[in-house]
Amino acid sequence: MRSQLIPRPFLKWAGGKTQLIDELDKHAPCHFHCYHEPFIGGGALFFKFYRENKIQKAFLSDLNTELIDAYTAVRDQVEAVIQILAGFPHSESFYYELRAQDPWAMDGCIRTARMIYLNKTGYNGLYRVSKQGKFNVPFGRYKNPDYCDGVNLRAVSQALQNVELSSTSFEKVLDKAMPGDFVYFDPPYVPLSKTANFTAYQANGFTENDQVKLRDVSIELTLRGVKVMLSNSATEKVRKLYSTPDFVIVEVQASRAINRNGQGRGKVAEFIVTNFLPERGGNNVS
């Protein structure tokens, strides 16, 4: 029997699914074997499924090695991570001093504490790297950020105990997913405009060719009998990619909190794509 610890995302993530979580849950399959999430990000859907006792076995991955290392450290050495975070002061000078340090010269727990601290104290909770792969978000203006949330970090650690973590590209899901499994893809979105392109989770970004590869992987999973759900922007490019008999496209409204233009925040149309008919409602717009 699980304890009463209730895990939630321990990192704020641009494009995170906390605001869309009820819609995703509504359109997800009711039953599945293993859960796969190749763009784990903040992991909002994984943690919701865990709280609802839907997760028996999970494979979580991301091409962002620092992110996967953070999940691994929280899973395996959570007390060490908490102890390090407790020693970090909330100050602008310390923020820039820590940001300037090379994370790959650090011990894994210190690197994880650094990532959590910068994420929770940086501007707007944004994770962004330069073309050189360096974190470059300025200091945020929070009065009392909760970057050392030991209760949640311990809950997250518990939720991750039987989870396989790997730093791999999304195509590797083909090596793991079996008939009856469920795969949720949450890739960097197709931009709404030429000036709205935010794919800097990785130094090399996520290209249009990657979007096509993702569609092709989704088709291959469909042929194998694997259930697939994908979220992306409500654009004609996405509609065209998934306008085949294999997929159902549902338009939903999501809240976006990270946008350089404050007027661009608020409700935005997004697509949820599945390779199965919605089990609990939804409007098919394909």
Protein backbone atom coordinates (compact mmCIF):
# COMPACT_ATOMS: atom_id res chain seq x y z
CA MET A 1 0.00 0.00 0.00
CA ARG A 2 1.35 3.42 -0.95
CA SER A 3 1.91 6.09 1.68
CA GLN A 4 -0.02 9.34 1.73
CA LEU A 5 2.84 11.26 0.12
CA ILE A 6 1.42 13.08 -2.91
CA PRO A 7 4.05 13.79 -5.58
CA ARG A 8 3.83 16.65 -8.03
CA PRO A 9 6.37 18.04 -10.52
CA PHE A 10 9.54 19.19 -8.74
CA LEU A 11 10.62 21.33 -11.71
CA LYS A 12 8.74 24.07 -13.52
CA TRP A 13 8.96 23.38 -17.23
CA ALA A 14 8.10 25.53 -20.24
CA GLY A 15 5.26 23.70 -21.93
CA GLY A 16 4.53 21.77 -18.75
CA LYS A 17 1.14 20.08 -18.64
CA THR A 18 -0.19 21.01 -15.21
CA GLN A 19 -2.79 23.37 -16.75
CA LEU A 20 -3.85 20.79 -19.34
CA ILE A 21 -3.79 17.79 -17.05
CA ASP A 22 -7.55 17.24 -16.78
CA GLU A 23 -7.97 17.26 -20.57
CA LEU A 24 -5.08 14.83 -20.99
CA ASP A 25 -6.53 12.53 -18.35
CA LYS A 26 -9.93 12.69 -20.05
CA HIS A 27 -8.49 11.52 -23.37
CA ALA A 28 -5.99 8.99 -22.05
CA PRO A 29 -6.85 5.28 -22.13
CA CYS A 30 -8.54 3.91 -19.02
CA HIS A 31 -6.34 0.80 -18.98
CA PHE A 32 -2.83 0.06 -20.16
CA HIS A 33 0.18 -2.04 -19.26
CA CYS A 34 3.43 -0.04 -19.12
CA TYR A 35 3.55 3.75 -19.31
CA HIS A 36 6.13 5.49 -21.52
CA GLU A 37 6.87 9.22 -21.64
CA PRO A 38 9.82 10.10 -23.91
CA PHE A 39 9.66 13.89 -23.33
CA ILE A 40 9.28 13.77 -19.57
CA GLY A 41 9.82 17.48 -18.78
CA GLY A 42 8.05 18.21 -15.50
CA GLY A 43 6.20 14.88 -15.57
CA ALA A 44 2.75 16.22 -14.64
CA LEU A 45 0.83 13.40 -16.31
CA PHE A 46 3.08 10.70 -14.88
CA PHE A 47 2.61 12.02 -11.35
CA LYS A 48 -1.16 12.25 -11.82
CA PHE A 49 -1.32 8.65 -13.02
CA TYR A 50 0.85 7.59 -10.09
CA ARG A 51 -1.47 9.32 -7.61
CA GLU A 52 -4.42 7.52 -9.21
CA ASN A 53 -2.64 4.12 -8.96
CA LYS A 54 -2.59 3.68 -12.74
CA ILE A 55 1.17 3.17 -13.00
CA GLN A 56 2.45 -0.38 -12.67
CA LYS A 57 5.65 0.05 -14.67
CA ALA A 58 7.00 3.22 -16.30
CA PHE A 59 9.77 4.18 -18.70
CA LEU A 60 10.57 7.90 -18.57
CA SER A 61 13.15 9.49 -20.84
CA ASP A 62 14.34 12.73 -22.34
CA LEU A 63 17.22 13.81 -24.54
CA ASN A 64 18.11 16.40 -21.88
CA THR A 65 20.75 14.54 -19.88
CA GLU A 66 20.80 17.07 -17.04
CA LEU A 67 17.05 16.62 -16.59
CA ILE A 68 17.25 12.81 -16.47
CA ASP A 69 20.20 13.01 -14.09
CA ALA A 70 18.04 15.17 -11.81
CA TYR A 71 15.24 12.61 -11.83
CA THR A 72 17.78 9.89 -11.09
CA ALA A 73 19.37 11.77 -8.20
CA VAL A 74 15.96 12.54 -6.65
CA ARG A 75 15.00 8.88 -7.02
CA ASP A 76 18.21 7.45 -5.57
CA GLN A 77 19.72 10.14 -3.32
CA VAL A 78 16.90 12.45 -2.36
CA GLU A 79 18.16 13.21 1.17
CA ALA A 80 21.51 14.38 -0.20
CA VAL A 81 19.75 16.66 -2.71
CA ILE A 82 17.55 18.14 0.03
CA GLN A 83 20.52 18.76 2.30
CA ILE A 84 22.38 20.63 -0.44
CA LEU A 85 19.32 22.73 -1.34
CA ALA A 86 18.84 23.64 2.32
CA GLY A 87 22.28 25.25 2.28
CA PHE A 88 21.59 27.44 -0.77
CA PRO A 89 20.70 31.07 0.10
CA HIS A 90 18.11 32.99 -1.90
CA SER A 91 20.13 35.86 -3.29
CA GLU A 92 20.80 37.34 -6.69
CA SER A 93 24.58 37.21 -6.29
CA PHE A 94 24.50 33.54 -5.33
CA TYR A 95 22.17 32.80 -8.25
CA TYR A 96 24.58 34.22 -10.82
CA GLU A 97 27.57 32.62 -9.11
CA LEU A 98 25.89 29.21 -9.24
CA ARG A 99 24.61 29.75 -12.79
CA ALA A 100 28.15 30.52 -14.00
CA GLN A 101 29.54 27.22 -12.72
CA ASP A 102 29.97 24.24 -15.02
CA PRO A 103 27.31 21.69 -13.97
CA TRP A 104 29.28 18.83 -15.50
CA ALA A 105 32.17 19.50 -13.12
CA MET A 106 29.80 18.84 -10.21
CA ASP A 107 28.74 15.75 -8.32
CA GLY A 108 25.33 14.49 -9.51
CA CYS A 109 23.48 15.57 -6.36
CA ILE A 110 25.00 19.05 -6.42
CA ARG A 111 24.18 19.37 -10.12
CA THR A 112 20.59 18.37 -9.38
CA ALA A 113 20.31 20.85 -6.51
CA ARG A 114 21.72 23.52 -8.83
CA MET A 115 19.12 22.72 -11.49
CA ILE A 116 16.23 22.83 -9.02
CA TYR A 117 17.49 26.06 -7.43
CA LEU A 118 17.98 27.87 -10.75
CA ASN A 119 14.65 26.59 -12.02
CA LYS A 120 12.71 27.75 -8.97
CA THR A 121 14.49 31.10 -8.54
CA GLY A 122 15.10 32.05 -12.19
CA TYR A 123 12.88 34.36 -14.20
CA ASN A 124 9.38 32.93 -14.76
CA GLY A 125 10.48 29.37 -13.97
CA LEU A 126 12.00 29.12 -17.42
CA TYR A 127 14.49 26.44 -18.46
CA ARG A 128 16.49 27.67 -21.43
CA VAL A 129 19.98 27.04 -22.74
CA SER A 130 22.12 28.86 -25.28
CA LYS A 131 23.48 27.32 -28.47
CA GLN A 132 26.53 26.42 -26.39
CA GLY A 133 24.30 24.49 -24.00
CA LYS A 134 24.65 26.97 -21.12
CA PHE A 135 21.70 27.85 -18.88
CA ASN A 136 21.07 31.57 -19.50
CA VAL A 137 17.88 32.56 -17.66
CA PRO A 138 18.16 35.77 -15.55
CA PHE A 139 17.40 35.97 -11.84
CA GLY A 140 13.69 35.99 -10.97
CA ARG A 141 11.85 38.40 -8.72
CA TYR A 142 10.33 35.95 -6.26
CA LYS A 143 10.10 36.99 -2.62
CA ASN A 144 10.18 33.54 -1.06
CA PRO A 145 10.60 30.73 -3.64
CA ASP A 146 10.19 27.22 -2.28
CA TYR A 147 13.21 25.60 -3.88
CA CYS A 148 13.82 23.26 -0.95
CA ASP A 149 10.51 21.40 -0.75
CA GLY A 150 11.63 18.30 1.09
CA VAL A 151 8.13 16.88 1.45
CA ASN A 152 7.49 16.87 -2.29
CA LEU A 153 11.00 15.72 -3.20
CA ARG A 154 10.57 12.69 -0.94
CA ALA A 155 7.18 11.98 -2.49
CA VAL A 156 8.71 12.22 -5.97
CA SER A 157 11.51 9.89 -4.92
CA GLN A 158 8.97 7.33 -3.80
CA ALA A 159 6.99 7.62 -7.04
CA LEU A 160 10.16 7.01 -9.09
CA GLN A 161 11.33 3.90 -7.26
CA ASN A 162 10.13 1.41 -9.89
CA VAL A 163 10.70 3.70 -12.87
CA GLU A 164 13.33 3.17 -15.56
CA LEU A 165 14.99 6.46 -16.50
CA SER A 166 17.12 7.06 -19.58
CA SER A 167 18.60 9.97 -21.50
CA THR A 168 17.63 8.99 -25.02
CA SER A 169 15.86 10.33 -28.09
CA PHE A 170 12.14 9.69 -28.47
CA GLU A 171 12.71 7.06 -31.21
CA LYS A 172 14.08 4.68 -28.58
CA VAL A 173 10.54 4.13 -27.32
CA LEU A 174 10.30 1.61 -30.17
CA ASP A 175 12.78 -0.58 -28.29
CA LYS A 176 10.58 -0.75 -25.19
CA ALA A 177 6.90 -0.33 -26.02
CA MET A 178 4.84 -3.50 -26.30
CA PRO A 179 1.23 -4.16 -27.37
CA GLY A 180 -1.15 -2.81 -24.73
CA ASP A 181 1.34 -0.20 -23.47
CA PHE A 182 0.60 3.52 -23.49
CA VAL A 183 2.97 6.18 -24.84
CA TYR A 184 2.45 9.89 -24.21
CA PHE A 185 4.47 12.29 -26.36
CA ASP A 186 4.83 15.92 -25.29
CA PRO A 187 7.43 17.29 -27.73
CA PRO A 188 8.54 20.89 -28.12
CA TYR A 189 5.59 22.34 -29.96
CA VAL A 190 5.38 23.42 -33.58
CA PRO A 191 5.63 27.22 -33.22
CA LEU A 192 2.49 29.29 -33.71
CA SER A 193 4.51 31.85 -35.65
CA LYS A 194 8.06 32.48 -36.85
CA THR A 195 8.75 34.63 -33.79
CA ALA A 196 7.19 32.20 -31.31
CA ASN A 197 9.70 29.39 -31.80
CA PHE A 198 10.77 28.15 -28.36
CA THR A 199 12.69 24.89 -28.65
CA ALA A 200 15.74 25.74 -26.57
CA TYR A 201 15.36 22.96 -24.03
CA GLN A 202 18.29 21.51 -25.96
CA ALA A 203 21.15 23.40 -27.56
CA ASN A 204 20.23 21.91 -30.96
CA GLY A 205 16.46 22.53 -30.70
CA PHE A 206 13.65 20.38 -32.14
CA THR A 207 13.26 20.69 -35.90
CA GLU A 208 10.45 20.23 -38.40
CA ASN A 209 12.12 16.99 -39.49
CA ASP A 210 11.95 15.82 -35.88
CA GLN A 211 8.19 16.47 -35.91
CA VAL A 212 7.88 14.26 -38.99
CA LYS A 213 9.99 11.52 -37.36
CA LEU A 214 7.75 11.71 -34.30
CA ARG A 215 4.67 11.22 -36.49
CA ASP A 216 6.33 8.22 -38.15
CA VAL A 217 7.22 6.70 -34.77
CA SER A 218 3.59 7.17 -33.70
CA ILE A 219 2.44 5.30 -36.81
CA GLU A 220 4.87 2.45 -36.11
CA LEU A 221 3.62 2.20 -32.52
CA THR A 222 0.05 2.10 -33.82
CA LEU A 223 0.90 -0.82 -36.09
CA ARG A 224 2.33 -2.64 -33.05
CA GLY A 225 -0.84 -2.23 -31.00
CA VAL A 226 0.57 0.42 -28.67
CA LYS A 227 -1.75 3.21 -27.50
CA VAL A 228 -0.40 6.68 -28.32
CA MET A 229 -1.40 10.15 -27.15
CA LEU A 230 0.39 13.30 -28.26
CA SER A 231 -0.03 16.99 -27.48
CA ASN A 232 1.05 19.80 -29.79
CA SER A 233 0.06 23.27 -30.94
CA ALA A 234 -3.19 23.72 -32.85
CA THR A 235 -1.55 24.57 -36.17
CA GLU A 236 -2.19 23.48 -39.73
CA LYS A 237 1.22 21.79 -39.80
CA VAL A 238 0.24 19.52 -36.93
CA ARG A 239 -3.21 18.88 -38.40
CA LYS A 240 -1.65 17.83 -41.72
CA LEU A 241 0.89 15.59 -40.04
CA TYR A 242 -1.78 13.60 -38.21
CA SER A 243 -4.67 13.77 -40.69
CA THR A 244 -4.67 10.05 -41.42
CA PRO A 245 -7.13 7.28 -40.49
CA ASP A 246 -4.71 6.23 -37.71
CA PHE A 247 -5.31 9.31 -35.58
CA VAL A 248 -8.04 11.30 -33.84
CA ILE A 249 -7.37 15.02 -33.34
CA VAL A 250 -9.12 16.87 -30.51
CA GLU A 251 -8.81 20.62 -29.98
CA VAL A 252 -8.65 21.81 -26.37
CA GLN A 253 -7.90 25.07 -24.55
CA ALA A 254 -4.74 25.28 -22.47
CA SER A 255 -3.35 27.97 -20.18
CA ARG A 256 0.12 29.20 -21.07
CA ALA A 257 2.17 30.99 -18.43
CA ILE A 258 5.48 31.45 -20.28
CA ASN A 259 5.47 33.92 -23.13
CA ARG A 260 7.76 36.85 -23.86
CA ASN A 261 4.68 38.90 -24.71
CA GLY A 262 2.40 39.15 -21.69
CA GLN A 263 -0.62 39.47 -23.99
CA GLY A 264 0.24 36.03 -25.35
CA ARG A 265 -0.48 34.38 -22.02
CA GLY A 266 -3.81 32.85 -21.18
CA LYS A 267 -5.98 30.33 -23.03
CA VAL A 268 -4.48 28.95 -26.23
CA ALA A 269 -5.84 26.24 -28.53
CA GLU A 270 -3.84 23.00 -28.58
CA PHE A 271 -4.30 19.58 -30.14
CA ILE A 272 -4.47 16.26 -28.38
CA VAL A 273 -3.84 13.48 -30.87
CA THR A 274 -4.59 9.83 -30.14
CA ASN A 275 -4.52 6.59 -32.13
CA PHE A 276 -7.69 5.40 -30.39
CA LEU A 277 -11.17 6.82 -30.01
CA PRO A 278 -11.64 9.01 -26.92
CA GLU A 279 -13.01 6.85 -24.13
CA ARG A 280 -14.46 9.69 -22.09
CA GLY A 281 -15.60 12.37 -24.48
CA GLY A 282 -13.91 14.92 -26.72
CA ASN A 283 -14.67 16.47 -30.08
CA ASN A 284 -13.05 14.84 -33.09
CA VAL A 285 -11.85 17.64 -35.36
CA SER A 286 -9.72 15.59 -37.75
